[in-house]
Amino acid sequence: MTRLEYTFKTDTLFKMLFVQNPDLLKRLVCELLRISFESIGQFEIKNPEMPPESLDGKFCRLDINMTVDGQLVDLEIQVRDEKDYPERVLYYWAREYPTALPESGDYKDLPRTVIISIISFNQFDSPEFHSEFCPLLS
């Protein structure tokens, strides 16, 4: 039996699949954000650059950044547990959030910014398959 060398957990293959098939990416985001496909008016992949020519090639940006109806959405896939994922994902969010505010903009106009992480390891001691976190708002 032939064993596949690559799976869709491979960052490069994951990005190839979804950037080249934006409707598939849009459907995935709809499922993850629990919104209907038809409700999305604006859907833009902000980093449509393509990965290297081969699956073994070097590639720096392994995430998919999008704008979905004015929201900033960053989709990350992480296979190896390098013991720094909470800090890493917070850094990604912090990097994304301020890019939405024009220099003369008002802070109250900052858009919702969402990080979707698909990880291949247990991050929390929980029987749940899916976790969702939101900031506490007073």
Protein backbone atom coordinates (compact mmCIF):
# COMPACT_ATOMS: atom_id res chain seq x y z
CA MET A 1 0.00 0.00 0.00
CA THR A 2 1.29 3.47 -0.91
CA ARG A 3 1.32 5.95 1.95
CA LEU A 4 0.65 9.61 1.17
CA GLU A 5 3.65 11.75 1.95
CA TYR A 6 1.54 14.91 2.27
CA THR A 7 -1.86 15.58 3.83
CA PHE A 8 -4.01 18.67 4.07
CA LYS A 9 -2.27 19.31 7.37
CA THR A 10 0.75 20.27 5.28
CA ASP A 11 0.71 24.09 5.43
CA THR A 12 1.63 24.55 1.79
CA LEU A 13 -0.95 22.09 0.49
CA PHE A 14 -3.62 23.57 2.79
CA LYS A 15 -2.96 27.04 1.43
CA MET A 16 -2.79 25.85 -2.20
CA LEU A 17 -6.18 24.17 -1.87
CA PHE A 18 -7.99 27.12 -0.31
CA VAL A 19 -6.37 30.03 -2.17
CA GLN A 20 -6.92 28.34 -5.53
CA ASN A 21 -10.51 27.45 -4.56
CA PRO A 22 -11.91 30.57 -2.86
CA ASP A 23 -15.49 29.23 -2.81
CA LEU A 24 -14.27 26.23 -0.81
CA LEU A 25 -12.49 28.59 1.59
CA LYS A 26 -15.61 30.74 1.84
CA ARG A 27 -17.70 27.66 2.72
CA LEU A 28 -15.20 26.59 5.38
CA VAL A 29 -15.21 30.08 6.93
CA CYS A 30 -19.03 30.11 6.90
CA GLU A 31 -19.13 26.83 8.80
CA LEU A 32 -16.51 27.94 11.32
CA LEU A 33 -18.09 31.36 11.92
CA ARG A 34 -21.61 29.91 11.82
CA ILE A 35 -22.84 32.29 9.13
CA SER A 36 -24.68 31.49 5.93
CA PHE A 37 -22.89 31.43 2.61
CA GLU A 38 -25.53 33.75 1.15
CA SER A 39 -25.11 36.31 3.94
CA ILE A 40 -21.54 37.18 2.93
CA GLY A 41 -21.41 40.31 0.81
CA GLN A 42 -17.65 40.90 0.90
CA PHE A 43 -15.05 38.12 0.85
CA GLU A 44 -11.49 38.99 -0.04
CA ILE A 45 -8.33 36.95 0.37
CA LYS A 46 -5.77 39.55 1.39
CA ASN A 47 -2.66 37.47 0.71
CA PRO A 48 -3.28 35.58 -2.53
CA GLU A 49 0.41 34.96 -3.19
CA MET A 50 0.98 31.36 -4.12
CA PRO A 51 3.20 28.95 -2.24
CA PRO A 52 6.41 27.53 -3.74
CA GLU A 53 6.36 25.42 -6.89
CA SER A 54 6.89 22.19 -4.95
CA LEU A 55 5.55 20.94 -1.64
CA ASP A 56 9.10 20.75 -0.31
CA GLY A 57 9.84 24.41 -1.05
CA LYS A 58 10.37 27.08 1.60
CA PHE A 59 7.46 29.40 2.31
CA CYS A 60 7.25 32.18 4.89
CA ARG A 61 3.55 32.99 5.32
CA LEU A 62 1.56 29.88 6.09
CA ASP A 63 -1.70 31.57 7.06
CA ILE A 64 -4.65 32.81 5.03
CA ASN A 65 -5.75 36.38 5.76
CA MET A 66 -9.21 37.47 4.65
CA THR A 67 -11.74 40.24 4.97
CA VAL A 68 -15.27 38.90 5.48
CA ASP A 69 -17.97 41.57 5.56
CA GLY A 70 -15.59 44.07 7.13
CA GLN A 71 -14.21 41.60 9.68
CA LEU A 72 -10.55 40.63 9.63
CA VAL A 73 -10.20 36.85 9.60
CA ASP A 74 -6.93 34.95 9.88
CA LEU A 75 -7.04 31.18 9.31
CA GLU A 76 -4.07 29.30 10.76
CA ILE A 77 -3.14 25.64 10.58
CA GLN A 78 -0.59 24.28 13.04
CA VAL A 79 0.52 20.65 13.05
CA ARG A 80 3.41 20.55 15.54
CA ASP A 81 2.98 21.57 19.13
CA GLU A 82 5.92 23.87 19.72
CA LYS A 83 4.57 24.80 23.16
CA ASP A 84 4.04 28.43 22.17
CA TYR A 85 0.75 28.41 20.30
CA PRO A 86 -1.25 30.68 22.66
CA GLU A 87 1.47 33.34 22.44
CA ARG A 88 1.84 32.85 18.70
CA VAL A 89 -1.87 33.18 17.96
CA LEU A 90 -2.12 36.24 20.20
CA TYR A 91 0.78 37.76 18.27
CA TYR A 92 -1.00 37.02 14.96
CA TRP A 93 -4.15 38.68 16.28
CA ALA A 94 -2.20 41.68 17.57
CA ARG A 95 -0.44 42.02 14.22
CA GLU A 96 -3.73 41.94 12.32
CA TYR A 97 -5.89 44.17 14.53
CA PRO A 98 -4.16 47.56 14.15
CA THR A 99 -3.93 47.27 10.35
CA ALA A 100 -7.65 48.04 10.10
CA LEU A 101 -7.54 51.51 11.59
CA PRO A 102 -6.67 54.39 9.25
CA GLU A 103 -4.30 56.98 10.70
CA SER A 104 -7.13 59.43 11.40
CA GLY A 105 -9.61 56.69 12.33
CA ASP A 106 -11.64 56.42 15.50
CA TYR A 107 -10.89 53.49 17.81
CA LYS A 108 -14.59 52.64 18.07
CA ASP A 109 -14.53 51.84 14.35
CA LEU A 110 -12.02 49.00 14.70
CA PRO A 111 -13.51 45.89 13.11
CA ARG A 112 -14.02 42.53 14.70
CA THR A 113 -10.83 40.53 14.24
CA VAL A 114 -11.03 36.74 14.29
CA ILE A 115 -8.30 34.11 14.40
CA ILE A 116 -9.38 30.61 13.37
CA SER A 117 -6.86 27.96 14.37
CA ILE A 118 -6.92 24.41 13.06
CA ILE A 119 -4.42 22.52 15.19
CA SER A 120 -3.32 18.91 15.20
CA PHE A 121 -2.55 18.60 18.92
CA ASN A 122 -4.34 18.99 22.24
CA GLN A 123 -4.03 22.56 23.43
CA PHE A 124 -6.36 22.23 26.41
CA ASP A 125 -7.21 19.49 28.85
CA SER A 126 -10.77 19.24 27.56
CA PRO A 127 -12.88 16.52 25.95
CA GLU A 128 -14.31 19.10 23.54
CA PHE A 129 -13.25 19.01 19.90
CA HIS A 130 -13.95 22.71 19.36
CA SER A 131 -13.15 25.68 21.59
CA GLU A 132 -14.16 29.30 21.15
CA PHE A 133 -12.81 32.32 23.00
CA CYS A 134 -14.01 35.90 23.08
CA PRO A 135 -12.76 38.91 25.02
CA LEU A 136 -14.82 39.94 28.02
CA LEU A 137 -16.63 43.16 27.26
CA SER A 138 -18.02 45.29 30.05
